[in-house]
Structures are given as structure tokens and as C-alpha cells.
């Protein structure tokens, strides 16, 4: 299984898409100003 890091994650759509495709989201970061 491939692992990803989601930078500027927002609502998590990119992480969800990768997880649905068989990837594992290790961590997600969001900077709220």
C-alpha cells in the first residue's frame, strides 16, 4: 500500500480520493489563517 501526505488538506477531498484508490493517508495538514 502506498502512503501519502496531504498538505493544505481543506475538507479532505484529495485524501478521500487517494484512499478510495487504495492509498493510505498518513497525515493531513491544514493551515488556517
PDB file of N, CA and C in Angstrom:
ATOM      1  N   UNK A   1       0.846  -1.178   0.000  1.00  0.00           N
ATOM      2  CA  UNK A   1       0.000   0.000   0.000  1.00  0.00           C
ATOM      3  C   UNK A   1       0.893   1.244   0.000  1.00  0.00           C
ATOM      4  N   UNK A   2       0.600   2.180  -0.872  1.00  0.00           N
ATOM      5  CA  UNK A   2       1.340   3.439  -0.935  1.00  0.00           C
ATOM      6  C   UNK A   2       0.790   4.399   0.111  1.00  0.00           C
ATOM      7  N   UNK A   3       1.663   5.219   0.648  1.00  0.00           N
ATOM      8  CA  UNK A   3       1.268   6.188   1.665  1.00  0.00           C
ATOM      9  C   UNK A   3       1.422   7.595   1.106  1.00  0.00           C
ATOM     10  N   UNK A   4       0.512   8.492   1.518  1.00  0.00           N
ATOM     11  CA  UNK A   4       0.560   9.881   1.068  1.00  0.00           C
ATOM     12  C   UNK A   4       0.503  10.817   2.261  1.00  0.00           C
ATOM     13  N   UNK A   5       0.954  12.044   2.047  1.00  0.00           N
ATOM     14  CA  UNK A   5       0.808  13.141   3.000  1.00  0.00           C
ATOM     15  C   UNK A   5       0.020  14.216   2.273  1.00  0.00           C
ATOM     16  N   UNK A   6      -1.048  14.695   2.880  1.00  0.00           N
ATOM     17  CA  UNK A   6      -1.906  15.708   2.262  1.00  0.00           C
ATOM     18  C   UNK A   6      -1.599  17.061   2.889  1.00  0.00           C
ATOM     19  N   UNK A   7      -0.983  17.954   2.112  1.00  0.00           N
ATOM     20  CA  UNK A   7      -0.686  19.306   2.576  1.00  0.00           C
ATOM     21  C   UNK A   7      -1.793  20.242   2.118  1.00  0.00           C
ATOM     22  N   UNK A   8      -2.171  21.181   2.945  1.00  0.00           N
ATOM     23  CA  UNK A   8      -3.271  22.108   2.666  1.00  0.00           C
ATOM     24  C   UNK A   8      -4.533  21.310   2.357  1.00  0.00           C
ATOM     25  N   UNK A   9      -4.903  20.467   3.312  1.00  0.00           N
ATOM     26  CA  UNK A   9      -5.923  19.444   3.121  1.00  0.00           C
ATOM     27  C   UNK A   9      -7.331  19.984   2.883  1.00  0.00           C
ATOM     28  N   UNK A  10      -7.647  21.153   3.407  1.00  0.00           N
ATOM     29  CA  UNK A  10      -9.007  21.669   3.248  1.00  0.00           C
ATOM     30  C   UNK A  10     -10.010  20.724   3.866  1.00  0.00           C
ATOM     31  N   UNK A  11     -11.037  20.365   3.109  1.00  0.00           N
ATOM     32  CA  UNK A  11     -12.081  19.477   3.642  1.00  0.00           C
ATOM     33  C   UNK A  11     -11.721  18.002   3.496  1.00  0.00           C
ATOM     34  N   UNK A  12     -10.574  17.690   2.901  1.00  0.00           N
ATOM     35  CA  UNK A  12     -10.109  16.307   2.832  1.00  0.00           C
ATOM     36  C   UNK A  12     -10.495  15.551   1.578  1.00  0.00           C
ATOM     37  N   UNK A  13     -10.952  16.242   0.560  1.00  0.00           N
ATOM     38  CA  UNK A  13     -11.375  15.584  -0.676  1.00  0.00           C
ATOM     39  C   UNK A  13     -10.259  14.843  -1.389  1.00  0.00           C
ATOM     40  N   UNK A  14      -9.077  15.435  -1.409  1.00  0.00           N
ATOM     41  CA  UNK A  14      -7.945  14.784  -2.075  1.00  0.00           C
ATOM     42  C   UNK A  14      -7.550  13.517  -1.326  1.00  0.00           C
ATOM     43  N   UNK A  15      -7.508  13.593   0.006  1.00  0.00           N
ATOM     44  CA  UNK A  15      -7.185  12.403   0.808  1.00  0.00           C
ATOM     45  C   UNK A  15      -8.219  11.314   0.580  1.00  0.00           C
ATOM     46  N   UNK A  16      -9.474  11.693   0.538  1.00  0.00           N
ATOM     47  CA  UNK A  16     -10.550  10.715   0.335  1.00  0.00           C
ATOM     48  C   UNK A  16     -10.406  10.029  -1.021  1.00  0.00           C
ATOM     49  N   UNK A  17     -10.105  10.805  -2.042  1.00  0.00           N
ATOM     50  CA  UNK A  17      -9.909  10.238  -3.369  1.00  0.00           C
ATOM     51  C   UNK A  17      -8.749   9.258  -3.420  1.00  0.00           C
ATOM     52  N   UNK A  18      -7.640   9.618  -2.792  1.00  0.00           N
ATOM     53  CA  UNK A  18      -6.496   8.713  -2.753  1.00  0.00           C
ATOM     54  C   UNK A  18      -6.822   7.455  -1.962  1.00  0.00           C
ATOM     55  N   UNK A  19      -7.523   7.605  -0.833  1.00  0.00           N
ATOM     56  CA  UNK A  19      -7.894   6.429  -0.026  1.00  0.00           C
ATOM     57  C   UNK A  19      -8.824   5.507  -0.811  1.00  0.00           C
ATOM     58  N   UNK A  20      -9.758   6.074  -1.551  1.00  0.00           N
ATOM     59  CA  UNK A  20     -10.654   5.267  -2.386  1.00  0.00           C
ATOM     60  C   UNK A  20      -9.885   4.536  -3.487  1.00  0.00           C
ATOM     61  N   UNK A  21      -8.740   5.106  -3.904  1.00  0.00           N
ATOM     62  CA  UNK A  21      -7.919   4.498  -4.954  1.00  0.00           C
ATOM     63  C   UNK A  21      -6.899   3.505  -4.398  1.00  0.00           C
ATOM     64  N   UNK A  22      -6.910   3.292  -3.074  1.00  0.00           N
ATOM     65  CA  UNK A  22      -6.028   2.287  -2.493  1.00  0.00           C
ATOM     66  C   UNK A  22      -4.796   2.827  -1.792  1.00  0.00           C
ATOM     67  N   UNK A  23      -4.703   4.135  -1.638  1.00  0.00           N
ATOM     68  CA  UNK A  23      -3.583   4.739  -0.925  1.00  0.00           C
ATOM     69  C   UNK A  23      -3.949   4.901   0.548  1.00  0.00           C
ATOM     70  N   UNK A  24      -2.935   5.127   1.380  1.00  0.00           N
ATOM     71  CA  UNK A  24      -3.165   5.374   2.805  1.00  0.00           C
ATOM     72  C   UNK A  24      -2.695   6.785   3.139  1.00  0.00           C
ATOM     73  N   UNK A  25      -3.607   7.618   3.639  1.00  0.00           N
ATOM     74  CA  UNK A  25      -3.240   8.968   4.063  1.00  0.00           C
ATOM     75  C   UNK A  25      -2.631   8.878   5.457  1.00  0.00           C
ATOM     76  N   UNK A  26      -1.337   9.153   5.555  1.00  0.00           N
ATOM     77  CA  UNK A  26      -0.624   9.044   6.821  1.00  0.00           C
ATOM     78  C   UNK A  26      -0.948  10.238   7.714  1.00  0.00           C
ATOM     79  N   UNK A  27      -0.956  11.437   7.125  1.00  0.00           N
ATOM     80  CA  UNK A  27      -1.244  12.648   7.888  1.00  0.00           C
ATOM     81  C   UNK A  27      -1.742  13.717   6.924  1.00  0.00           C
ATOM     82  N   UNK A  28      -2.557  14.624   7.436  1.00  0.00           N
ATOM     83  CA  UNK A  28      -3.058  15.740   6.633  1.00  0.00           C
ATOM     84  C   UNK A  28      -2.858  17.028   7.422  1.00  0.00           C
ATOM     85  N   UNK A  29      -2.391  18.058   6.741  1.00  0.00           N
ATOM     86  CA  UNK A  29      -2.154  19.354   7.370  1.00  0.00           C
ATOM     87  C   UNK A  29      -3.062  20.393   6.744  1.00  0.00           C
ATOM     88  N   UNK A  30      -3.538  21.323   7.560  1.00  0.00           N
ATOM     89  CA  UNK A  30      -4.290  22.474   7.069  1.00  0.00           C
ATOM     90  C   UNK A  30      -3.845  23.683   7.871  1.00  0.00           C
ATOM     91  N   UNK A  31      -3.495  24.741   7.192  1.00  0.00           N
ATOM     92  CA  UNK A  31      -3.119  25.978   7.874  1.00  0.00           C
ATOM     93  C   UNK A  31      -4.296  26.937   7.785  1.00  0.00           C
ATOM     94  N   UNK A  32      -4.833  27.293   8.926  1.00  0.00           N
ATOM     95  CA  UNK A  32      -5.961  28.224   8.988  1.00  0.00           C
ATOM     96  C   UNK A  32      -5.438  29.570   9.465  1.00  0.00           C
ATOM     97  N   UNK A  33      -5.536  30.567   8.606  1.00  0.00           N
ATOM     98  CA  UNK A  33      -5.001  31.884   8.979  1.00  0.00           C
ATOM     99  C   UNK A  33      -6.015  32.706   9.713  1.00  0.00           C
TER     100      UNK A  33
END
